[in-house]
Amino acid sequence: MVGKILISACLAGLPVRYNGSAKPLIHDAVERWKAEGRLVTLCPELAGGFQVPRPPAEIENGLDGDDVLDGRARVLEISGGDVSAAYIDGARIALDVARENDCRHALLIDGSPSCGSGFVYDGSFSGKKHAGQGVTAALLRRNGIAVYSDREVDQLVDAIG
């Protein structure tokens, strides 16, 4: 059997998003992987110490998770509080969990300052998106884990079956 898949807890249907909601991903392949015991569910933000609900946060100045990891940007709450350290902690825990479970692929919610893999919000809290990735997606990719967004399940199916 092909290895396990790290999946964002909100995509697995758990109400862990900043506003207390979930974003369940309904897809035949995801249901099959769940039945096969291949999904490893994690919310990097909760792993990093956040609660539900929590203030919205975005990566500042139109930058992304690579910039946060390299110290060029911060993750800021809407109030201006710097929560970068907790996002980095959550990303490190996600990487540890992925390694412990031999996850070579991750299926993460797009747009999140943690899990975004194709786009993130620009830091203005105005709903503007830009191409980029969140802190967890960036760290996973740096360590050889293939990251797919919730819109890329079919590409993940093609990659692993």
C-alpha atoms as a PDB file:
ATOM      1  CA  MET A   1       0.000   0.000   0.000  1.00  0.00           C
ATOM      2  CA  VAL A   2       1.127   3.542  -0.754  1.00  0.00           C
ATOM      3  CA  GLY A   3       1.915   5.656   2.319  1.00  0.00           C
ATOM      4  CA  LYS A   4      -0.429   7.762   4.340  1.00  0.00           C
ATOM      5  CA  ILE A   5      -1.629  11.265   3.519  1.00  0.00           C
ATOM      6  CA  LEU A   6      -1.520  14.190   5.931  1.00  0.00           C
ATOM      7  CA  ILE A   7      -4.846  16.052   5.693  1.00  0.00           C
ATOM      8  CA  SER A   8      -5.963  19.364   7.166  1.00  0.00           C
ATOM      9  CA  ALA A   9      -8.357  18.658  10.034  1.00  0.00           C
ATOM     10  CA  CYS A  10     -10.902  21.128   8.623  1.00  0.00           C
ATOM     11  CA  LEU A  11     -10.974  19.154   5.353  1.00  0.00           C
ATOM     12  CA  ALA A  12     -11.617  16.005   7.391  1.00  0.00           C
ATOM     13  CA  GLY A  13     -14.740  17.707   8.732  1.00  0.00           C
ATOM     14  CA  LEU A  14     -13.506  18.890  12.124  1.00  0.00           C
ATOM     15  CA  PRO A  15     -14.635  22.386  13.234  1.00  0.00           C
ATOM     16  CA  VAL A  16     -11.120  23.768  13.753  1.00  0.00           C
ATOM     17  CA  ARG A  17     -10.975  26.799  11.446  1.00  0.00           C
ATOM     18  CA  TYR A  18     -10.404  30.222  12.981  1.00  0.00           C
ATOM     19  CA  ASN A  19     -14.173  30.863  13.070  1.00  0.00           C
ATOM     20  CA  GLY A  20     -15.059  27.434  14.452  1.00  0.00           C
ATOM     21  CA  SER A  21     -16.202  25.987  11.144  1.00  0.00           C
ATOM     22  CA  ALA A  22     -15.063  23.017   9.085  1.00  0.00           C
ATOM     23  CA  LYS A  23     -14.610  22.754   5.327  1.00  0.00           C
ATOM     24  CA  PRO A  24     -15.324  19.062   4.738  1.00  0.00           C
ATOM     25  CA  LEU A  25     -13.845  17.832   1.491  1.00  0.00           C
ATOM     26  CA  ILE A  26     -16.316  15.521  -0.225  1.00  0.00           C
ATOM     27  CA  HIS A  27     -14.553  13.372  -2.809  1.00  0.00           C
ATOM     28  CA  ASP A  28     -14.720   9.636  -3.531  1.00  0.00           C
ATOM     29  CA  ALA A  29     -10.939   9.245  -3.248  1.00  0.00           C
ATOM     30  CA  VAL A  30     -10.860  10.981   0.130  1.00  0.00           C
ATOM     31  CA  GLU A  31     -13.628   8.691   1.387  1.00  0.00           C
ATOM     32  CA  ARG A  32     -11.688   5.654   0.099  1.00  0.00           C
ATOM     33  CA  TRP A  33      -8.435   6.804   1.731  1.00  0.00           C
ATOM     34  CA  LYS A  34     -10.319   7.362   4.983  1.00  0.00           C
ATOM     35  CA  ALA A  35     -11.808   3.853   4.846  1.00  0.00           C
ATOM     36  CA  GLU A  36      -8.343   2.442   4.131  1.00  0.00           C
ATOM     37  CA  GLY A  37      -6.917   4.219   7.186  1.00  0.00           C
ATOM     38  CA  ARG A  38      -4.541   6.278   5.082  1.00  0.00           C
ATOM     39  CA  LEU A  39      -5.473   9.757   6.323  1.00  0.00           C
ATOM     40  CA  VAL A  40      -3.531  11.414   9.128  1.00  0.00           C
ATOM     41  CA  THR A  41      -5.603  14.347  10.365  1.00  0.00           C
ATOM     42  CA  LEU A  42      -3.948  17.441  11.823  1.00  0.00           C
ATOM     43  CA  CYS A  43      -4.591  21.156  12.227  1.00  0.00           C
ATOM     44  CA  PRO A  44      -1.200  22.875  12.365  1.00  0.00           C
ATOM     45  CA  GLU A  45      -2.727  25.958  13.973  1.00  0.00           C
ATOM     46  CA  LEU A  46      -4.179  23.962  16.878  1.00  0.00           C
ATOM     47  CA  ALA A  47      -0.912  22.012  17.105  1.00  0.00           C
ATOM     48  CA  GLY A  48       0.868  25.370  17.402  1.00  0.00           C
ATOM     49  CA  GLY A  49      -1.248  26.314  20.408  1.00  0.00           C
ATOM     50  CA  PHE A  50      -4.210  28.225  19.001  1.00  0.00           C
ATOM     51  CA  GLN A  51      -7.779  27.784  20.201  1.00  0.00           C
ATOM     52  CA  VAL A  52     -11.108  27.712  18.366  1.00  0.00           C
ATOM     53  CA  PRO A  53     -12.313  30.289  17.638  1.00  0.00           C
ATOM     54  CA  ARG A  54      -9.300  32.549  17.150  1.00  0.00           C
ATOM     55  CA  PRO A  55      -8.705  35.883  15.436  1.00  0.00           C
ATOM     56  CA  PRO A  56      -8.123  35.731  11.693  1.00  0.00           C
ATOM     57  CA  ALA A  57      -4.463  35.909  10.698  1.00  0.00           C
ATOM     58  CA  GLU A  58      -2.659  36.610   7.435  1.00  0.00           C
ATOM     59  CA  ILE A  59       0.934  36.806   6.268  1.00  0.00           C
ATOM     60  CA  GLU A  60       1.940  40.452   6.009  1.00  0.00           C
ATOM     61  CA  ASN A  61       2.846  42.543   2.975  1.00  0.00           C
ATOM     62  CA  GLY A  62       1.744  40.110   0.274  1.00  0.00           C
ATOM     63  CA  LEU A  63       4.456  37.626   1.254  1.00  0.00           C
ATOM     64  CA  ASP A  64       4.117  33.912   2.025  1.00  0.00           C
ATOM     65  CA  GLY A  65       5.163  31.018   4.232  1.00  0.00           C
ATOM     66  CA  ASP A  66       8.671  30.796   2.801  1.00  0.00           C
ATOM     67  CA  ASP A  67       9.190  34.419   3.837  1.00  0.00           C
ATOM     68  CA  VAL A  68       7.935  33.641   7.349  1.00  0.00           C
ATOM     69  CA  LEU A  69      10.265  30.643   7.657  1.00  0.00           C
ATOM     70  CA  ASP A  70      13.182  32.765   6.461  1.00  0.00           C
ATOM     71  CA  GLY A  71      12.383  35.643   8.839  1.00  0.00           C
ATOM     72  CA  ARG A  72      11.354  38.124   6.120  1.00  0.00           C
ATOM     73  CA  ALA A  73       7.659  38.255   7.057  1.00  0.00           C
ATOM     74  CA  ARG A  74       5.341  37.749   9.996  1.00  0.00           C
ATOM     75  CA  VAL A  75       1.944  36.155  10.459  1.00  0.00           C
ATOM     76  CA  LEU A  76      -0.240  38.819  12.006  1.00  0.00           C
ATOM     77  CA  GLU A  77      -3.653  38.646  13.603  1.00  0.00           C
ATOM     78  CA  ILE A  78      -6.227  41.178  12.459  1.00  0.00           C
ATOM     79  CA  SER A  79      -5.463  43.125  15.675  1.00  0.00           C
ATOM     80  CA  GLY A  80      -1.782  43.314  14.691  1.00  0.00           C
ATOM     81  CA  GLY A  81      -0.510  40.679  17.104  1.00  0.00           C
ATOM     82  CA  ASP A  82       2.514  38.734  15.810  1.00  0.00           C
ATOM     83  CA  VAL A  83       1.687  35.009  15.894  1.00  0.00           C
ATOM     84  CA  SER A  84       4.541  33.861  13.648  1.00  0.00           C
ATOM     85  CA  ALA A  85       6.190  31.675  16.294  1.00  0.00           C
ATOM     86  CA  ALA A  86       3.011  29.651  16.846  1.00  0.00           C
ATOM     87  CA  TYR A  87       2.570  29.159  13.088  1.00  0.00           C
ATOM     88  CA  ILE A  88       6.170  27.951  12.794  1.00  0.00           C
ATOM     89  CA  ASP A  89       5.700  25.644  15.800  1.00  0.00           C
ATOM     90  CA  GLY A  90       2.558  24.191  14.215  1.00  0.00           C
ATOM     91  CA  ALA A  91       4.392  23.663  10.918  1.00  0.00           C
ATOM     92  CA  ARG A  92       7.217  21.828  12.696  1.00  0.00           C
ATOM     93  CA  ILE A  93       4.724  19.605  14.502  1.00  0.00           C
ATOM     94  CA  ALA A  94       2.966  18.882  11.184  1.00  0.00           C
ATOM     95  CA  LEU A  95       6.314  17.905   9.655  1.00  0.00           C
ATOM     96  CA  ASP A  96       7.079  15.637  12.639  1.00  0.00           C
ATOM     97  CA  VAL A  97       3.647  13.984  12.390  1.00  0.00           C
ATOM     98  CA  ALA A  98       4.069  13.504   8.637  1.00  0.00           C
ATOM     99  CA  ARG A  99       7.473  11.891   9.144  1.00  0.00           C
ATOM    100  CA  GLU A 100       6.253   9.672  12.011  1.00  0.00           C
ATOM    101  CA  ASN A 101       3.437   8.388   9.794  1.00  0.00           C
ATOM    102  CA  ASP A 102       5.470   8.116   6.581  1.00  0.00           C
ATOM    103  CA  CYS A 103       3.270  10.678   4.839  1.00  0.00           C
ATOM    104  CA  ARG A 104       4.854  11.601   1.535  1.00  0.00           C
ATOM    105  CA  HIS A 105       1.813  13.610   0.452  1.00  0.00           C
ATOM    106  CA  ALA A 106      -0.337  16.232   2.145  1.00  0.00           C
ATOM    107  CA  LEU A 107      -3.821  17.477   1.295  1.00  0.00           C
ATOM    108  CA  LEU A 108      -4.220  20.947   2.774  1.00  0.00           C
ATOM    109  CA  ILE A 109      -6.866  23.690   2.712  1.00  0.00           C
ATOM    110  CA  ASP A 110      -5.894  26.482   0.353  1.00  0.00           C
ATOM    111  CA  GLY A 111      -5.810  30.111   1.465  1.00  0.00           C
ATOM    112  CA  SER A 112      -4.757  29.442   5.051  1.00  0.00           C
ATOM    113  CA  PRO A 113      -1.620  31.132   6.427  1.00  0.00           C
ATOM    114  CA  SER A 114      -0.652  27.629   7.557  1.00  0.00           C
ATOM    115  CA  CYS A 115      -1.951  25.265   4.919  1.00  0.00           C
ATOM    116  CA  GLY A 116      -2.367  27.350   1.773  1.00  0.00           C
ATOM    117  CA  SER A 117      -0.480  25.735  -1.081  1.00  0.00           C
ATOM    118  CA  GLY A 118      -1.615  27.673  -4.141  1.00  0.00           C
ATOM    119  CA  PHE A 119      -2.724  30.985  -2.647  1.00  0.00           C
ATOM    120  CA  VAL A 120      -2.772  32.932   0.607  1.00  0.00           C
ATOM    121  CA  TYR A 121      -4.347  36.216   1.602  1.00  0.00           C
ATOM    122  CA  ASP A 122      -2.202  39.326   1.203  1.00  0.00           C
ATOM    123  CA  GLY A 123      -2.133  40.577   4.795  1.00  0.00           C
ATOM    124  CA  SER A 124      -4.582  43.444   4.290  1.00  0.00           C
ATOM    125  CA  PHE A 125      -7.580  41.510   5.708  1.00  0.00           C
ATOM    126  CA  SER A 126      -9.555  42.725   2.697  1.00  0.00           C
ATOM    127  CA  GLY A 127     -10.103  39.331   1.057  1.00  0.00           C
ATOM    128  CA  LYS A 128      -7.356  39.858  -1.527  1.00  0.00           C
ATOM    129  CA  LYS A 129      -5.509  36.667  -2.451  1.00  0.00           C
ATOM    130  CA  HIS A 130      -2.183  36.119  -4.175  1.00  0.00           C
ATOM    131  CA  ALA A 131      -0.171  33.134  -5.338  1.00  0.00           C
ATOM    132  CA  GLY A 132       1.845  31.693  -2.494  1.00  0.00           C
ATOM    133  CA  GLN A 133       1.859  29.147   0.283  1.00  0.00           C
ATOM    134  CA  GLY A 134       1.361  29.067   4.004  1.00  0.00           C
ATOM    135  CA  VAL A 135       3.970  28.273   6.624  1.00  0.00           C
ATOM    136  CA  THR A 136       3.143  24.559   6.971  1.00  0.00           C
ATOM    137  CA  ALA A 137       2.888  23.982   3.227  1.00  0.00           C
ATOM    138  CA  ALA A 138       6.262  25.684   2.735  1.00  0.00           C
ATOM    139  CA  LEU A 139       7.974  23.617   5.449  1.00  0.00           C
ATOM    140  CA  LEU A 140       6.496  20.341   4.191  1.00  0.00           C
ATOM    141  CA  ARG A 141       7.623  21.086   0.635  1.00  0.00           C
ATOM    142  CA  ARG A 142      11.119  22.025   1.827  1.00  0.00           C
ATOM    143  CA  ASN A 143      11.290  18.564   3.346  1.00  0.00           C
ATOM    144  CA  GLY A 144      10.185  16.615   0.286  1.00  0.00           C
ATOM    145  CA  ILE A 145       6.497  16.170   1.044  1.00  0.00           C
ATOM    146  CA  ALA A 146       4.247  16.819  -1.956  1.00  0.00           C
ATOM    147  CA  VAL A 147       1.497  19.269  -1.029  1.00  0.00           C
ATOM    148  CA  TYR A 148      -1.886  19.401  -2.780  1.00  0.00           C
ATOM    149  CA  SER A 149      -4.745  21.809  -2.177  1.00  0.00           C
ATOM    150  CA  ASP A 150      -8.386  20.897  -1.670  1.00  0.00           C
ATOM    151  CA  ARG A 151      -8.886  21.772  -5.375  1.00  0.00           C
ATOM    152  CA  GLU A 152      -6.203  19.290  -6.470  1.00  0.00           C
ATOM    153  CA  VAL A 153      -7.562  15.957  -5.242  1.00  0.00           C
ATOM    154  CA  ASP A 154      -7.641  14.562  -8.764  1.00  0.00           C
ATOM    155  CA  GLN A 155      -3.947  15.391  -9.213  1.00  0.00           C
ATOM    156  CA  LEU A 156      -3.212  13.638  -5.905  1.00  0.00           C
ATOM    157  CA  VAL A 157      -5.182  10.613  -7.134  1.00  0.00           C
ATOM    158  CA  ASP A 158      -3.043  10.598 -10.291  1.00  0.00           C
ATOM    159  CA  ALA A 159       0.093  10.738  -8.136  1.00  0.00           C
ATOM    160  CA  ILE A 160      -0.752   7.970  -5.684  1.00  0.00           C
ATOM    161  CA  GLY A 161      -3.916   6.159  -6.767  1.00  0.00           C
END
